[in-house]
Protein backbone atom coordinates (compact mmCIF):
# COMPACT_ATOMS: atom_id res chain seq x y z
CA UNK A 1 128.28 -85.86 88.62
CA UNK A 2 129.76 -88.28 86.07
CA UNK A 3 130.13 -91.00 88.77
CA UNK A 4 126.67 -90.57 90.13
CA UNK A 5 125.00 -90.97 86.77
CA UNK A 6 127.39 -93.91 85.96
CA UNK A 7 126.43 -95.61 89.29
CA UNK A 8 122.64 -94.86 88.68
CA UNK A 9 122.91 -96.17 85.31
CA UNK A 10 124.50 -99.42 86.49
CA UNK A 11 121.63 -99.71 89.35
CA UNK A 12 118.95 -99.27 86.81
CA UNK A 13 120.34 -101.55 84.42
CA UNK A 14 120.51 -104.27 87.25
CA UNK A 15 117.09 -103.58 88.33
CA UNK A 16 115.75 -103.80 84.77
CA UNK A 17 117.55 -107.21 84.55
CA UNK A 18 115.99 -108.59 87.74
CA UNK A 19 112.50 -107.51 86.77
CA UNK A 20 112.63 -109.03 83.08
CA UNK A 21 114.12 -112.35 84.60
CA UNK A 22 111.19 -112.38 86.98
CA UNK A 23 108.96 -111.39 84.16
CA UNK A 24 110.26 -113.99 81.75
CA UNK A 25 109.89 -116.89 84.29
CA UNK A 26 106.24 -115.84 85.16
CA UNK A 27 105.53 -115.78 81.28
CA UNK A 28 107.15 -119.41 81.32
CA UNK A 29 104.81 -120.80 83.97
CA UNK A 30 101.78 -119.15 82.47
CA UNK A 31 102.60 -120.37 78.78
CA UNK A 32 103.16 -123.98 80.22
CA UNK A 33 99.89 -123.84 82.13
CA UNK A 34 98.00 -122.61 79.24
CA UNK A 35 99.59 -124.96 76.84
CA UNK A 36 98.70 -127.94 78.84
CA UNK A 37 95.14 -127.03 79.09
CA UNK A 38 94.72 -126.11 75.38
CA UNK A 39 96.06 -129.45 74.36
CA UNK A 40 92.81 -131.07 76.17
CA UNK A 41 90.29 -128.27 75.13
CA UNK A 42 87.99 -128.33 72.14
CA UNK A 43 88.14 -125.94 69.14
CA UNK A 44 86.03 -124.86 66.36
CA UNK A 45 86.01 -124.64 62.71
CA UNK A 46 85.97 -120.95 61.15
CA UNK A 47 85.29 -120.04 57.40
CA UNK A 48 86.24 -116.85 55.97
CA UNK A 49 84.95 -115.85 52.55
CA UNK A 50 88.08 -114.78 50.60
CA UNK A 51 86.01 -113.41 47.70
CA UNK A 52 84.60 -110.93 50.23
CA UNK A 53 87.91 -110.02 51.56
CA UNK A 54 89.04 -109.22 47.89
CA UNK A 55 85.67 -107.34 47.18
CA UNK A 56 86.15 -105.11 50.39
CA UNK A 57 89.70 -104.28 49.30
CA UNK A 58 88.70 -103.39 45.89
CA UNK A 59 85.68 -101.32 47.18
CA UNK A 60 88.00 -99.51 49.66
CA UNK A 61 90.29 -98.44 46.87
CA UNK A 62 87.52 -97.43 44.48
CA UNK A 63 85.85 -95.43 47.03
CA UNK A 64 89.06 -93.15 46.94
CA UNK A 65 90.00 -93.33 43.51
CA UNK A 66 86.57 -92.85 41.90
CA UNK A 67 84.54 -89.69 41.83
CA UNK A 68 82.24 -89.88 44.96
CA UNK A 69 78.95 -89.44 42.97
CA UNK A 70 79.96 -92.13 40.39
CA UNK A 71 80.83 -94.49 43.32
CA UNK A 72 77.45 -94.04 44.96
CA UNK A 73 75.81 -94.90 41.74
CA UNK A 74 77.84 -97.98 41.35
CA UNK A 75 77.05 -99.11 45.00
CA UNK A 76 73.55 -98.46 44.48
CA UNK A 77 73.17 -100.55 41.21
CA UNK A 78 75.30 -103.30 42.73
CA UNK A 79 72.58 -103.43 45.60
CA UNK A 80 70.01 -103.46 43.20
CA UNK A 81 71.49 -106.40 41.28
CA UNK A 82 72.26 -108.31 44.40
CA UNK A 83 68.72 -108.15 45.49
CA UNK A 84 67.50 -109.15 42.06
CA UNK A 85 70.00 -112.12 42.12
CA UNK A 86 68.85 -113.17 45.71
CA UNK A 87 65.25 -113.20 44.31
CA UNK A 88 66.11 -115.28 41.43
CA UNK A 89 67.79 -117.74 43.52
CA UNK A 90 64.93 -118.07 45.89
CA UNK A 91 62.76 -118.81 43.00
CA UNK A 92 65.05 -121.38 41.37
CA UNK A 93 65.19 -122.98 44.93
CA UNK A 94 61.40 -123.29 45.16
CA UNK A 95 61.09 -124.71 41.72
CA UNK A 96 63.95 -127.55 42.48
CA UNK A 97 62.24 -128.33 45.73
CA UNK A 98 58.94 -128.89 43.75
CA UNK A 99 60.68 -130.85 41.31
CA UNK A 100 62.24 -132.92 43.83
CA UNK A 101 58.86 -133.61 45.48
CA UNK A 102 57.43 -134.68 42.06
CA UNK A 103 60.33 -137.00 41.41
CA UNK A 104 60.02 -138.70 44.98
CA UNK A 105 56.35 -139.54 44.41
CA UNK A 106 56.91 -140.60 40.78
CA UNK A 107 59.78 -143.01 41.84
CA UNK A 108 57.66 -144.58 44.85
CA UNK A 109 54.76 -144.91 42.41
CA UNK A 110 56.80 -146.72 39.84
CA UNK A 111 58.35 -148.79 42.02
CA UNK A 112 55.22 -149.87 43.56
CA UNK A 113 53.59 -150.63 39.96
CA UNK A 114 56.59 -152.58 38.48
CA UNK A 115 57.60 -156.22 39.22
CA UNK A 116 61.30 -156.93 40.38
CA UNK A 117 62.03 -157.91 36.74
CA UNK A 118 61.47 -154.54 35.22
CA UNK A 119 62.00 -152.16 38.06
CA UNK A 120 65.31 -151.07 36.77
CA UNK A 121 64.18 -150.30 33.12
CA UNK A 122 61.41 -148.31 34.80
CA UNK A 123 63.56 -146.40 36.85
CA UNK A 124 65.88 -145.46 33.95
CA UNK A 125 62.75 -144.35 32.00
CA UNK A 126 61.62 -142.14 34.83
CA UNK A 127 65.07 -140.87 35.18
CA UNK A 128 64.95 -139.59 31.53
CA UNK A 129 61.34 -138.15 31.88
CA UNK A 130 62.05 -136.31 35.03
CA UNK A 131 65.13 -134.69 33.51
CA UNK A 132 62.83 -133.21 30.74
CA UNK A 133 60.21 -132.30 33.12
CA UNK A 134 62.98 -130.56 35.37
CA UNK A 135 64.21 -128.33 32.51
CA UNK A 136 60.41 -127.25 31.97
CA UNK A 137 59.73 -126.56 35.59
CA UNK A 138 62.99 -125.00 36.49
CA UNK A 139 62.59 -122.40 33.73
CA UNK A 140 60.39 -119.35 34.75
CA UNK A 141 57.76 -118.15 32.43
CA UNK A 142 59.63 -114.93 32.17
CA UNK A 143 62.61 -116.71 30.18
CA UNK A 144 61.85 -115.28 26.96
CA UNK A 145 62.94 -111.76 28.22
CA UNK A 146 65.02 -112.69 31.23
CA UNK A 147 67.46 -115.02 29.88
CA UNK A 148 70.59 -113.26 30.34
CA UNK A 149 69.69 -112.99 34.29
CA UNK A 150 69.04 -116.79 34.13
CA UNK A 151 72.30 -117.52 32.62
CA UNK A 152 74.13 -115.66 35.25
CA UNK A 153 72.15 -117.51 37.86
CA UNK A 154 73.09 -120.84 36.39
CA UNK A 155 76.78 -119.76 36.28
CA UNK A 156 76.56 -118.59 39.91
CA UNK A 157 75.24 -121.95 40.89
CA UNK A 158 77.77 -123.87 38.86
CA UNK A 159 80.60 -122.14 40.61
CA UNK A 160 83.11 -124.40 42.36
CA UNK A 161 84.08 -124.16 45.91
CA UNK A 162 87.81 -123.86 47.10
CA UNK A 163 88.90 -124.33 50.59
CA UNK A 164 92.23 -122.96 51.62
CA UNK A 165 94.13 -124.33 54.42
CA UNK A 166 97.42 -123.16 55.97
CA UNK A 167 100.36 -125.01 57.42
CA UNK A 168 103.58 -123.36 58.92
CA UNK A 169 105.61 -126.23 59.87
CA UNK A 170 108.20 -126.14 62.77
CA UNK A 171 110.70 -129.05 63.23
CA UNK A 172 108.11 -131.01 65.11
CA UNK A 173 105.26 -130.26 62.60
CA UNK A 174 103.34 -128.94 65.52
CA UNK A 175 100.43 -127.74 63.53
CA UNK A 176 99.51 -131.34 62.44
CA UNK A 177 96.81 -131.42 65.04
CA UNK A 178 95.22 -128.43 63.64
CA UNK A 179 95.55 -129.73 59.90
CA UNK A 180 94.04 -133.02 60.55
CA UNK A 181 90.85 -131.20 62.16
CA UNK A 182 90.62 -128.69 59.25
CA UNK A 183 90.97 -131.59 56.74
CA UNK A 184 88.24 -133.91 58.60
CA UNK A 185 86.05 -130.88 58.92
CA UNK A 186 86.17 -130.20 54.83
CA UNK A 187 85.86 -133.96 53.94
CA UNK A 188 82.77 -134.30 55.91
CA UNK A 189 80.81 -131.99 53.36
CA UNK A 190 83.31 -131.62 50.20
CA UNK A 191 82.12 -132.68 46.91
CA UNK A 192 83.97 -134.10 43.85
CA UNK A 193 84.07 -130.70 42.00
CA UNK A 194 85.48 -128.96 45.17
CA UNK A 195 89.10 -128.04 45.47
CA UNK A 196 91.37 -127.80 48.58
CA UNK A 197 94.37 -125.45 48.44
CA UNK A 198 97.16 -125.80 50.89
CA UNK A 199 99.39 -122.71 51.51
CA UNK A 200 102.55 -124.54 52.83
CA UNK A 201 105.64 -123.17 54.48
CA UNK A 202 108.12 -125.61 56.07
CA UNK A 203 111.91 -126.49 56.05
CA UNK A 204 111.21 -130.11 57.52
CA UNK A 205 111.82 -131.80 60.85
CA UNK A 206 111.19 -134.98 62.45
CA UNK A 207 110.39 -137.80 60.22
CA UNK A 208 107.37 -139.20 62.05
CA UNK A 209 105.55 -135.96 62.55
CA UNK A 210 105.96 -135.02 58.83
CA UNK A 211 105.07 -138.57 57.80
CA UNK A 212 101.99 -138.13 59.79
CA UNK A 213 101.41 -134.62 58.04
CA UNK A 214 101.95 -136.01 54.79
CA UNK A 215 99.42 -138.88 55.45
CA UNK A 216 96.73 -136.18 56.40
CA UNK A 217 97.08 -135.01 52.88
CA UNK A 218 96.94 -138.43 51.21
CA UNK A 219 93.41 -138.56 52.90
CA UNK A 220 92.38 -135.77 50.68
CA UNK A 221 93.85 -137.64 47.54
CA UNK A 222 91.75 -140.84 48.75
CA UNK A 223 88.63 -138.81 48.93
CA UNK A 224 89.00 -137.84 45.09
CA UNK A 225 89.44 -133.99 45.80
CA UNK A 226 91.55 -132.08 44.06
CA UNK A 227 94.60 -131.06 46.02
CA UNK A 228 96.82 -127.80 45.10
CA UNK A 229 99.77 -126.89 47.16
CA UNK A 230 101.17 -123.34 47.01
CA UNK A 231 104.70 -122.71 48.15
CA UNK A 232 105.76 -119.04 48.83
CA UNK A 233 108.93 -119.49 50.72
CA UNK A 234 109.93 -122.83 51.50
CA UNK A 235 109.10 -126.61 51.20
CA UNK A 236 112.17 -128.74 52.07
CA UNK A 237 112.98 -132.10 53.47
CA UNK A 238 109.69 -133.09 55.54
CA UNK A 239 108.04 -130.00 53.88
CA UNK A 240 108.54 -131.43 50.44
CA UNK A 241 107.33 -134.74 51.58
CA UNK A 242 104.09 -132.96 52.11
CA UNK A 243 104.18 -130.92 48.94
CA UNK A 244 104.88 -133.62 46.38
CA UNK A 245 101.37 -135.11 47.44
CA UNK A 246 99.71 -132.31 45.35
CA UNK A 247 97.74 -132.88 42.26
CA UNK A 248 99.35 -129.38 41.39
CA UNK A 249 102.27 -127.99 42.89
CA UNK A 250 102.73 -124.28 42.74
CA UNK A 251 105.66 -122.27 43.92
CA UNK A 252 107.13 -118.88 44.02
CA UNK A 253 110.19 -118.14 41.63
CA UNK A 254 112.56 -117.81 44.65
CA UNK A 255 110.91 -120.43 46.96
CA UNK A 256 113.36 -123.05 48.22
CA UNK A 257 112.34 -126.77 47.39
CA UNK A 258 113.87 -130.03 47.67
CA UNK A 259 116.33 -131.36 50.08
CA UNK A 260 115.31 -134.80 49.89
CA UNK A 261 117.67 -136.30 52.24
CA UNK A 262 117.96 -137.49 55.87
CA UNK A 263 120.21 -135.98 58.50
CA UNK A 264 120.90 -136.94 62.19
CA UNK A 265 123.62 -135.67 64.31
CA UNK A 266 124.31 -135.38 68.15
CA UNK A 267 127.24 -134.51 70.29
CA UNK A 268 129.28 -137.05 72.25
CA UNK A 269 130.58 -136.00 75.73
CA UNK A 270 132.36 -139.52 76.45
CA UNK A 271 135.90 -138.17 76.27
CA UNK A 272 134.76 -135.21 78.57
CA UNK A 273 133.30 -137.49 81.13
CA UNK A 274 136.29 -140.13 81.10
CA UNK A 275 138.67 -137.23 81.61
CA UNK A 276 136.99 -136.24 84.84
CA UNK A 277 136.48 -139.77 85.83
CA UNK A 278 132.75 -140.03 85.22
CA UNK A 279 131.37 -143.36 84.08
CA UNK A 280 128.25 -143.41 82.05
CA UNK A 281 126.45 -146.67 81.67
CA UNK A 282 123.64 -147.89 79.65
CA UNK A 283 121.59 -151.17 80.14
CA UNK A 284 119.53 -152.47 77.29
CA UNK A 285 117.90 -155.52 76.18
CA UNK A 286 118.24 -156.15 72.56
CA UNK A 287 121.63 -155.89 70.51
CA UNK A 288 120.33 -152.66 68.78
CA UNK A 289 117.99 -151.04 71.35
CA UNK A 290 120.63 -148.17 71.58
CA UNK A 291 123.10 -147.87 68.62
CA UNK A 292 124.58 -144.40 69.44
CA UNK A 293 124.34 -142.38 72.68
CA UNK A 294 125.47 -138.79 73.63
CA UNK A 295 127.38 -139.89 76.90
CA UNK A 296 128.53 -143.52 76.41
CA UNK A 297 131.23 -144.70 74.10
CA UNK A 298 129.94 -145.23 70.61
CA UNK A 299 131.21 -148.30 69.13
CA UNK A 300 131.76 -148.92 65.42
CA UNK A 301 129.14 -151.62 65.01
CA UNK A 302 126.55 -149.14 66.52
CA UNK A 303 127.60 -146.28 64.15
CA UNK A 304 127.31 -148.75 61.21
CA UNK A 305 123.66 -149.78 62.47
CA UNK A 306 122.75 -146.23 62.84
CA UNK A 307 123.88 -145.38 59.52
CA UNK A 308 121.94 -148.18 58.13
CA UNK A 309 118.77 -146.87 59.64
CA UNK A 310 119.23 -143.41 58.31
CA UNK A 311 119.99 -144.76 54.80
CA UNK A 312 116.82 -146.91 55.03
CA UNK A 313 114.93 -143.87 56.14
CA UNK A 314 116.29 -142.08 53.03
CA UNK A 315 115.09 -145.02 50.87
CA UNK A 316 111.83 -144.83 52.12
CA UNK A 317 111.63 -140.98 51.43
CA UNK A 318 112.76 -141.51 47.92
CA UNK A 319 110.04 -144.08 47.34
CA UNK A 320 107.37 -141.91 48.58
CA UNK A 321 108.44 -138.86 46.31
CA UNK A 322 108.78 -141.01 43.44
CA UNK A 323 105.38 -142.56 43.88
CA UNK A 324 103.76 -138.99 44.38
CA UNK A 325 105.55 -137.49 41.34
CA UNK A 326 106.79 -140.17 38.83
CA UNK A 327 107.78 -137.41 36.47
CA UNK A 328 111.09 -136.64 38.29
CA UNK A 329 114.30 -138.34 38.14
CA UNK A 330 114.41 -139.32 41.57
CA UNK A 331 117.99 -140.50 41.84
CA UNK A 332 119.14 -137.23 40.29
CA UNK A 333 117.02 -134.91 42.77
CA UNK A 334 117.34 -137.11 46.07
CA UNK A 335 120.72 -135.78 46.92
CA UNK A 336 119.84 -133.46 49.87
CA UNK A 337 120.19 -130.48 47.55
CA UNK A 338 117.72 -127.75 47.34
CA UNK A 339 116.58 -125.54 44.23
CA UNK A 340 114.87 -122.24 43.83
CA UNK A 341 111.57 -122.32 42.22
CA UNK A 342 112.96 -121.21 38.91
CA UNK A 343 115.23 -124.17 38.84
CA UNK A 344 112.93 -126.64 40.59
CA UNK A 345 110.50 -126.47 37.71
CA UNK A 346 113.25 -127.79 35.39
CA UNK A 347 113.55 -130.78 37.59
CA UNK A 348 109.97 -131.21 37.58
CA UNK A 349 109.84 -130.67 41.28
CA UNK A 350 107.01 -128.26 40.89
CA UNK A 351 104.14 -127.75 38.15
CA UNK A 352 104.02 -124.00 37.78
CA UNK A 353 105.55 -120.69 39.00
CA UNK A 354 103.34 -118.51 40.63
CA UNK A 355 102.70 -116.99 44.21
CA UNK A 356 99.75 -118.10 46.51
CA UNK A 357 98.28 -114.57 46.03
CA UNK A 358 97.78 -114.40 42.41
CA UNK A 359 96.51 -118.21 42.17
CA UNK A 360 93.83 -117.19 44.68
CA UNK A 361 92.76 -114.23 43.13
CA UNK A 362 92.34 -115.87 39.88
CA UNK A 363 90.28 -118.56 41.52
CA UNK A 364 88.03 -115.88 43.18
CA UNK A 365 86.75 -115.04 39.64
CA UNK A 366 85.23 -118.63 39.00
CA UNK A 367 84.61 -120.11 42.40
CA UNK A 368 83.69 -119.54 45.94
CA UNK A 369 86.83 -119.38 48.01
CA UNK A 370 86.84 -120.00 51.75
CA UNK A 371 89.93 -119.82 54.34
CA UNK A 372 89.53 -122.76 56.71
CA UNK A 373 90.83 -122.35 60.06
CA UNK A 374 90.51 -124.83 63.34
CA UNK A 375 90.86 -122.57 66.36
CA UNK A 376 91.28 -123.64 69.84
CA UNK A 377 88.80 -122.41 72.40
CA UNK A 378 90.84 -120.09 74.67
CA UNK A 379 90.36 -120.33 78.43
CA UNK A 380 91.00 -117.34 80.59
CA UNK A 381 94.57 -118.71 81.23
CA UNK A 382 95.13 -118.90 77.68
CA UNK A 383 94.09 -115.17 77.08
CA UNK A 384 96.25 -114.18 80.36
CA UNK A 385 99.11 -115.80 78.97
CA UNK A 386 98.71 -114.14 75.42
CA UNK A 387 98.15 -110.78 76.86
CA UNK A 388 101.33 -111.42 79.33
CA UNK A 389 103.44 -112.33 76.45
CA UNK A 390 102.40 -109.49 74.41
CA UNK A 391 102.94 -106.96 77.14
CA UNK A 392 106.44 -108.21 77.97
CA UNK A 393 107.48 -108.23 74.27
CA UNK A 394 106.15 -104.69 74.06
CA UNK A 395 108.16 -103.52 77.15
CA UNK A 396 111.41 -105.32 76.02
CA UNK A 397 111.13 -103.66 72.81
CA UNK A 398 110.61 -100.37 74.14
CA UNK A 399 113.52 -100.66 76.54
CA UNK A 400 115.77 -101.84 73.83
CA UNK A 401 114.64 -99.16 71.60
CA UNK A 402 115.21 -96.36 74.53
CA UNK A 403 118.61 -97.84 75.02
CA UNK A 404 119.50 -97.82 71.42
CA UNK A 405 118.39 -94.06 71.05
CA UNK A 406 120.19 -93.08 74.24
CA UNK A 407 123.41 -94.88 72.82
CA UNK A 408 123.13 -93.15 69.57
CA UNK A 409 122.57 -89.81 71.28
CA UNK A 410 125.79 -90.16 73.46
CA UNK A 411 127.95 -91.23 70.54
């Protein structure tokens, strides 16, 4: 009986292995096919109000904690206030439209009646007059007994806008394509008093891809839009190259920052190939076209040139960070070391200790905060690929869990 169970268990294990192997290969083909099509497809920008999300969470808690009757009265009062605010905003919009129409007519009439020499003073006079008229027209007749509501409306209209982006970096900074679309979308309608917040998480990677990601963030600075970057976990090496561009850099107390350095490493199989009588030849045009290689013999001259290139890259990195954050001692921090947030603030690598959650919640009190995402349109193969991967992952996890439970039971 024991032999039967053992043989059956071995057969079952082999069968599961074969099935999983076929399944993984299938997933790979579908994923590759989906990726190739997705790279050439178009996406769309979606905006989600973070203010509404926070309010919904608050309402969900209040509905449980507060007495049901009191909660119903609060909801009723809130709906009444929202309706009143909407009415006032509509009234204000009509007044603004009327004022704009009057201003346009007055401007055209003034330009027609004045000569070229005195057009500029006339326009200046018109500007000061229409400002006074605007204050009269924009003020409702009931302002004497409704001034509080008007103050609230004006405060609401003066609320700034904050656009929240996310960047989760891998070694290739693969999300840079999504980031560039999101930045282009926001810059197409952002005003000077708006702000962009980037939640950044990256341990760095390839120089050229992270250089492009940093250049995308510099577009925000060039447009005179305030840029705040929040780091909850890590912004090191290429990640810090991006982070240092911020007008304000915020990090959690134990977030990892720094690693301002360059590293390059590769194995060399020349001795192994030589031992087995295998020659590996490289043909180049240009003295330094290939300095070091994995299979050929690396010369001292080639190694020296490769190190020189790494050092020059490090110098460019240092110059970039020093220009972005002149407050830091670049020679002291550009050693490749990393610091936790609590230590990084002492070296002026960051400006403030805080989490992105607390920072965004505080912004929601005074501004309209929107989460911006560029999402690729998914084809049928993309959806099938995701479903297959998800099903396969659940299947593998279930089998592993059952095997673990069985092992624990036998023990």
